[in-house]
Amino acid sequence: MDSMADDFSGFEGLEEDPKAMGQMMRKMGKEMGEDMPPEFDGVVDRLEKGQRPEDIEKAIPDLGGGAGGDDE
């Protein structure tokens, strides 16, 4: 985890750079060593192609819907 902190010390501005955000997320997923759900790879692929997070959320409305953070 310490190496990840060094690699990703500049998080600011990632929301304006979807490609960099996707690359960071893919690297973090690999560093964690856990199997990620297929949705994770789909979102990361979209980010790496330059799609904005807001557009991904519109295209995949059920993304993260079961996480308990809804407005209900």
N, C-alpha and C. Protein backbone atom coordinates (compact mmCIF):
# COMPACT_ATOMS: atom_id res chain seq x y z
N MET A 1 0.82 -1.19 0.00
CA MET A 1 0.00 0.00 0.00
C MET A 1 0.87 1.26 0.00
N ASP A 2 2.03 1.21 0.63
CA ASP A 2 2.89 2.38 0.64
C ASP A 2 3.34 2.75 -0.76
N SER A 3 3.64 1.74 -1.58
CA SER A 3 4.05 2.04 -2.95
C SER A 3 2.91 2.66 -3.73
N MET A 4 1.69 2.26 -3.43
CA MET A 4 0.53 2.86 -4.09
C MET A 4 0.41 4.33 -3.69
N ALA A 5 0.64 4.63 -2.43
CA ALA A 5 0.56 6.01 -1.98
C ALA A 5 1.58 6.87 -2.69
N ASP A 6 2.77 6.34 -2.90
CA ASP A 6 3.81 7.08 -3.62
C ASP A 6 3.41 7.29 -5.08
N ASP A 7 2.88 6.24 -5.71
CA ASP A 7 2.50 6.32 -7.11
C ASP A 7 1.34 7.27 -7.34
N PHE A 8 0.43 7.38 -6.37
CA PHE A 8 -0.79 8.15 -6.57
C PHE A 8 -0.86 9.35 -5.64
N SER A 9 0.27 9.97 -5.38
CA SER A 9 0.29 11.11 -4.48
C SER A 9 -0.42 12.31 -5.06
N GLY A 10 -0.61 12.38 -6.37
CA GLY A 10 -1.27 13.52 -6.99
C GLY A 10 -2.67 13.19 -7.46
N PHE A 11 -3.58 12.91 -6.55
CA PHE A 11 -4.96 12.59 -6.91
C PHE A 11 -5.71 13.79 -7.46
N GLU A 12 -5.33 14.99 -7.03
CA GLU A 12 -6.07 16.16 -7.46
C GLU A 12 -6.01 16.30 -8.98
N GLY A 13 -7.15 16.63 -9.54
CA GLY A 13 -7.24 16.81 -10.98
C GLY A 13 -7.65 15.57 -11.74
N LEU A 14 -7.73 14.42 -11.08
CA LEU A 14 -8.10 13.19 -11.79
C LEU A 14 -9.51 13.25 -12.35
N GLU A 15 -10.41 13.98 -11.68
CA GLU A 15 -11.77 14.05 -12.20
C GLU A 15 -11.83 14.75 -13.55
N GLU A 16 -10.82 15.55 -13.88
CA GLU A 16 -10.76 16.20 -15.19
C GLU A 16 -10.01 15.35 -16.21
N ASP A 17 -9.42 14.25 -15.78
CA ASP A 17 -8.63 13.40 -16.68
C ASP A 17 -9.07 11.95 -16.54
N PRO A 18 -10.16 11.58 -17.25
CA PRO A 18 -10.68 10.21 -17.10
C PRO A 18 -9.67 9.13 -17.43
N LYS A 19 -8.81 9.38 -18.41
CA LYS A 19 -7.81 8.36 -18.78
C LYS A 19 -6.86 8.09 -17.62
N ALA A 20 -6.38 9.14 -16.99
CA ALA A 20 -5.48 8.98 -15.85
C ALA A 20 -6.20 8.31 -14.68
N MET A 21 -7.48 8.66 -14.49
CA MET A 21 -8.27 8.04 -13.42
C MET A 21 -8.40 6.54 -13.68
N GLY A 22 -8.70 6.17 -14.91
CA GLY A 22 -8.83 4.76 -15.27
C GLY A 22 -7.54 3.99 -15.06
N GLN A 23 -6.43 4.59 -15.46
CA GLN A 23 -5.13 3.94 -15.29
C GLN A 23 -4.82 3.75 -13.81
N MET A 24 -5.13 4.77 -13.00
CA MET A 24 -4.90 4.69 -11.57
C MET A 24 -5.77 3.61 -10.94
N MET A 25 -7.04 3.55 -11.36
CA MET A 25 -7.95 2.54 -10.80
C MET A 25 -7.51 1.13 -11.19
N ARG A 26 -7.07 0.95 -12.44
CA ARG A 26 -6.62 -0.38 -12.87
C ARG A 26 -5.39 -0.81 -12.05
N LYS A 27 -4.46 0.12 -11.85
CA LYS A 27 -3.25 -0.21 -11.10
C LYS A 27 -3.59 -0.53 -9.64
N MET A 28 -4.49 0.24 -9.06
CA MET A 28 -4.89 -0.01 -7.67
C MET A 28 -5.57 -1.37 -7.55
N GLY A 29 -6.42 -1.71 -8.53
CA GLY A 29 -7.09 -3.00 -8.51
C GLY A 29 -6.09 -4.15 -8.54
N LYS A 30 -5.06 -4.01 -9.37
CA LYS A 30 -4.03 -5.05 -9.45
C LYS A 30 -3.21 -5.12 -8.17
N GLU A 31 -2.90 -3.96 -7.60
CA GLU A 31 -2.10 -3.91 -6.37
C GLU A 31 -2.84 -4.57 -5.21
N MET A 32 -4.18 -4.46 -5.21
CA MET A 32 -4.97 -5.03 -4.13
C MET A 32 -4.95 -6.56 -4.19
N GLY A 33 -4.74 -7.12 -5.38
CA GLY A 33 -4.64 -8.55 -5.52
C GLY A 33 -5.95 -9.30 -5.38
N GLU A 34 -7.06 -8.60 -5.44
CA GLU A 34 -8.36 -9.23 -5.31
C GLU A 34 -9.04 -9.28 -6.67
N ASP A 35 -9.91 -10.27 -6.85
CA ASP A 35 -10.69 -10.33 -8.07
C ASP A 35 -11.74 -9.22 -8.02
N MET A 36 -11.74 -8.39 -9.04
CA MET A 36 -12.70 -7.29 -9.10
C MET A 36 -13.89 -7.75 -9.93
N PRO A 37 -15.07 -7.21 -9.64
CA PRO A 37 -16.25 -7.59 -10.42
C PRO A 37 -16.11 -7.13 -11.87
N PRO A 38 -16.82 -7.78 -12.78
CA PRO A 38 -16.73 -7.40 -14.19
C PRO A 38 -17.09 -5.94 -14.43
N GLU A 39 -17.97 -5.39 -13.61
CA GLU A 39 -18.35 -3.99 -13.76
C GLU A 39 -17.15 -3.07 -13.58
N PHE A 40 -16.25 -3.45 -12.69
CA PHE A 40 -15.06 -2.64 -12.45
C PHE A 40 -14.25 -2.52 -13.73
N ASP A 41 -13.99 -3.65 -14.39
CA ASP A 41 -13.22 -3.61 -15.63
C ASP A 41 -13.94 -2.80 -16.70
N GLY A 42 -15.26 -2.91 -16.75
CA GLY A 42 -16.02 -2.15 -17.73
C GLY A 42 -15.90 -0.65 -17.52
N VAL A 43 -15.99 -0.24 -16.27
CA VAL A 43 -15.87 1.19 -15.95
C VAL A 43 -14.45 1.67 -16.25
N VAL A 44 -13.45 0.90 -15.85
CA VAL A 44 -12.06 1.29 -16.08
C VAL A 44 -11.78 1.38 -17.58
N ASP A 45 -12.30 0.42 -18.34
CA ASP A 45 -12.13 0.48 -19.80
C ASP A 45 -12.70 1.77 -20.37
N ARG A 46 -13.89 2.15 -19.91
CA ARG A 46 -14.52 3.38 -20.40
C ARG A 46 -13.70 4.61 -20.02
N LEU A 47 -13.21 4.63 -18.79
CA LEU A 47 -12.38 5.76 -18.35
C LEU A 47 -11.12 5.86 -19.19
N GLU A 48 -10.47 4.73 -19.42
CA GLU A 48 -9.23 4.74 -20.19
C GLU A 48 -9.45 5.19 -21.63
N LYS A 49 -10.67 5.05 -22.10
CA LYS A 49 -11.00 5.55 -23.44
C LYS A 49 -11.37 7.02 -23.42
N GLY A 50 -11.41 7.61 -22.22
CA GLY A 50 -11.67 9.04 -22.10
C GLY A 50 -13.09 9.42 -21.75
N GLN A 51 -13.94 8.43 -21.44
CA GLN A 51 -15.33 8.74 -21.09
C GLN A 51 -15.37 9.31 -19.67
N ARG A 52 -16.13 10.37 -19.51
CA ARG A 52 -16.23 11.03 -18.20
C ARG A 52 -17.06 10.20 -17.23
N PRO A 53 -16.72 10.24 -15.93
CA PRO A 53 -17.47 9.47 -14.94
C PRO A 53 -18.96 9.76 -14.96
N GLU A 54 -19.33 11.01 -15.18
CA GLU A 54 -20.76 11.38 -15.22
C GLU A 54 -21.47 10.65 -16.36
N ASP A 55 -20.80 10.54 -17.51
CA ASP A 55 -21.39 9.85 -18.65
C ASP A 55 -21.48 8.35 -18.40
N ILE A 56 -20.51 7.80 -17.70
CA ILE A 56 -20.54 6.37 -17.36
C ILE A 56 -21.72 6.10 -16.43
N GLU A 57 -21.93 6.96 -15.45
CA GLU A 57 -23.05 6.79 -14.52
C GLU A 57 -24.38 6.84 -15.26
N LYS A 58 -24.50 7.70 -16.27
CA LYS A 58 -25.73 7.78 -17.05
C LYS A 58 -25.92 6.52 -17.90
N ALA A 59 -24.83 5.99 -18.45
CA ALA A 59 -24.90 4.81 -19.31
C ALA A 59 -25.15 3.53 -18.51
N ILE A 60 -24.69 3.51 -17.25
CA ILE A 60 -24.85 2.33 -16.39
C ILE A 60 -25.54 2.78 -15.10
N PRO A 61 -26.85 3.03 -15.15
CA PRO A 61 -27.54 3.60 -13.99
C PRO A 61 -27.54 2.71 -12.75
N ASP A 62 -27.44 1.40 -12.91
CA ASP A 62 -27.48 0.49 -11.77
C ASP A 62 -26.11 0.30 -11.12
N LEU A 63 -25.12 0.98 -11.63
CA LEU A 63 -23.77 0.83 -11.12
C LEU A 63 -23.71 1.24 -9.65
N GLY A 64 -23.37 0.30 -8.79
CA GLY A 64 -23.24 0.58 -7.36
C GLY A 64 -24.56 0.79 -6.65
N GLY A 65 -25.67 0.45 -7.28
CA GLY A 65 -26.98 0.68 -6.69
C GLY A 65 -27.23 -0.09 -5.41
N GLY A 66 -26.57 -1.22 -5.23
CA GLY A 66 -26.80 -2.02 -4.03
C GLY A 66 -25.86 -1.72 -2.90
N ALA A 67 -25.10 -0.64 -2.98
CA ALA A 67 -24.07 -0.35 -1.99
C ALA A 67 -24.62 0.27 -0.72
N GLY A 68 -25.92 0.66 -0.70
CA GLY A 68 -26.51 1.23 0.51
C GLY A 68 -26.34 2.71 0.62
N GLY A 69 -25.82 3.37 -0.39
CA GLY A 69 -25.63 4.81 -0.33
C GLY A 69 -26.66 5.59 -1.11
N ASP A 70 -27.81 4.97 -1.38
CA ASP A 70 -28.85 5.64 -2.15
C ASP A 70 -29.54 6.71 -1.33
N ASP A 71 -30.37 7.51 -2.00
CA ASP A 71 -31.07 8.61 -1.35
C ASP A 71 -32.27 8.16 -0.54
N GLU A 72 -32.55 6.87 -0.47
CA GLU A 72 -33.72 6.38 0.24
C GLU A 72 -33.51 6.38 1.72
